[in-house]
């Protein structure tokens, strides 16, 4: 077994141990893109992130 493979496996095991993951399939979480999008509030001009279809921040959206 080449030394590079051992180093990568050791690093992966240490990473999983620190994050509480049990299998390598959990590493797929790191590569996923966020579902949130940046929106500029039309009321205050504040930039915020949301996954909802809105153009106003939480503060401006309150009735």
C-alpha atoms as a PDB file:
ATOM      1  CA  UNK A   1       0.000   0.000   0.000  1.00  0.00           C
ATOM      2  CA  UNK A   2       1.537   3.359  -1.024  1.00  0.00           C
ATOM      3  CA  UNK A   3       2.152   5.861   1.741  1.00  0.00           C
ATOM      4  CA  UNK A   4      -0.176   8.431   0.098  1.00  0.00           C
ATOM      5  CA  UNK A   5      -3.152   6.066   0.333  1.00  0.00           C
ATOM      6  CA  UNK A   6      -2.437   5.483   4.012  1.00  0.00           C
ATOM      7  CA  UNK A   7      -2.238   9.226   4.691  1.00  0.00           C
ATOM      8  CA  UNK A   8      -5.550   9.867   2.901  1.00  0.00           C
ATOM      9  CA  UNK A   9      -7.313   7.064   4.768  1.00  0.00           C
ATOM     10  CA  UNK A  10      -5.881   8.204   8.087  1.00  0.00           C
ATOM     11  CA  UNK A  11      -7.007  11.763   7.404  1.00  0.00           C
ATOM     12  CA  UNK A  12     -10.487  10.589   6.388  1.00  0.00           C
ATOM     13  CA  UNK A  13     -10.805   8.464   9.538  1.00  0.00           C
ATOM     14  CA  UNK A  14      -9.699  11.370  11.737  1.00  0.00           C
ATOM     15  CA  UNK A  15     -12.168  13.685  10.019  1.00  0.00           C
ATOM     16  CA  UNK A  16     -15.044  11.248  10.420  1.00  0.00           C
ATOM     17  CA  UNK A  17     -14.138  10.689  14.066  1.00  0.00           C
ATOM     18  CA  UNK A  18     -14.141  14.403  14.866  1.00  0.00           C
ATOM     19  CA  UNK A  19     -17.462  14.990  13.122  1.00  0.00           C
ATOM     20  CA  UNK A  20     -19.171  11.866  14.433  1.00  0.00           C
ATOM     21  CA  UNK A  21     -19.632  10.275  11.012  1.00  0.00           C
ATOM     22  CA  UNK A  22     -19.529   6.524  10.747  1.00  0.00           C
ATOM     23  CA  UNK A  23     -19.183   5.823   7.033  1.00  0.00           C
ATOM     24  CA  UNK A  24     -17.557   7.446   4.027  1.00  0.00           C
ATOM     25  CA  UNK A  25     -20.968   8.032   2.404  1.00  0.00           C
ATOM     26  CA  UNK A  26     -21.480  10.814   4.962  1.00  0.00           C
ATOM     27  CA  UNK A  27     -18.728  12.801   3.271  1.00  0.00           C
ATOM     28  CA  UNK A  28     -21.194  13.533   0.436  1.00  0.00           C
ATOM     29  CA  UNK A  29     -22.774  16.141   2.719  1.00  0.00           C
ATOM     30  CA  UNK A  30     -19.704  18.359   2.330  1.00  0.00           C
ATOM     31  CA  UNK A  31     -20.054  18.539  -1.457  1.00  0.00           C
ATOM     32  CA  UNK A  32     -23.736  19.518  -1.561  1.00  0.00           C
ATOM     33  CA  UNK A  33     -24.595  23.029  -2.647  1.00  0.00           C
ATOM     34  CA  UNK A  34     -26.741  25.149  -0.355  1.00  0.00           C
ATOM     35  CA  UNK A  35     -30.403  25.489  -1.263  1.00  0.00           C
ATOM     36  CA  UNK A  36     -30.447  29.035   0.083  1.00  0.00           C
ATOM     37  CA  UNK A  37     -30.303  31.998  -2.273  1.00  0.00           C
ATOM     38  CA  UNK A  38     -29.347  35.596  -1.593  1.00  0.00           C
ATOM     39  CA  UNK A  39     -32.183  38.117  -1.774  1.00  0.00           C
ATOM     40  CA  UNK A  40     -32.141  41.892  -1.308  1.00  0.00           C
ATOM     41  CA  UNK A  41     -35.111  43.099   0.747  1.00  0.00           C
ATOM     42  CA  UNK A  42     -37.187  45.616  -1.202  1.00  0.00           C
ATOM     43  CA  UNK A  43     -38.226  47.296   2.054  1.00  0.00           C
ATOM     44  CA  UNK A  44     -34.905  47.919   3.811  1.00  0.00           C
ATOM     45  CA  UNK A  45     -32.310  46.932   1.221  1.00  0.00           C
ATOM     46  CA  UNK A  46     -30.876  44.317   3.563  1.00  0.00           C
ATOM     47  CA  UNK A  47     -29.281  41.258   1.918  1.00  0.00           C
ATOM     48  CA  UNK A  48     -30.420  37.952   3.417  1.00  0.00           C
ATOM     49  CA  UNK A  49     -30.474  34.258   2.512  1.00  0.00           C
ATOM     50  CA  UNK A  50     -33.668  32.239   2.168  1.00  0.00           C
ATOM     51  CA  UNK A  51     -35.148  29.206   0.477  1.00  0.00           C
ATOM     52  CA  UNK A  52     -38.608  30.803   0.265  1.00  0.00           C
ATOM     53  CA  UNK A  53     -40.080  32.719  -2.666  1.00  0.00           C
ATOM     54  CA  UNK A  54     -40.063  36.190  -1.107  1.00  0.00           C
ATOM     55  CA  UNK A  55     -38.619  39.617  -1.831  1.00  0.00           C
ATOM     56  CA  UNK A  56     -38.890  40.983   1.730  1.00  0.00           C
ATOM     57  CA  UNK A  57     -36.932  40.099   4.852  1.00  0.00           C
ATOM     58  CA  UNK A  58     -38.631  38.588   7.881  1.00  0.00           C
ATOM     59  CA  UNK A  59     -38.918  41.967   9.606  1.00  0.00           C
ATOM     60  CA  UNK A  60     -40.585  43.697   6.626  1.00  0.00           C
ATOM     61  CA  UNK A  61     -42.805  40.717   5.813  1.00  0.00           C
ATOM     62  CA  UNK A  62     -44.588  40.826   9.197  1.00  0.00           C
ATOM     63  CA  UNK A  63     -48.120  42.249   8.970  1.00  0.00           C
END
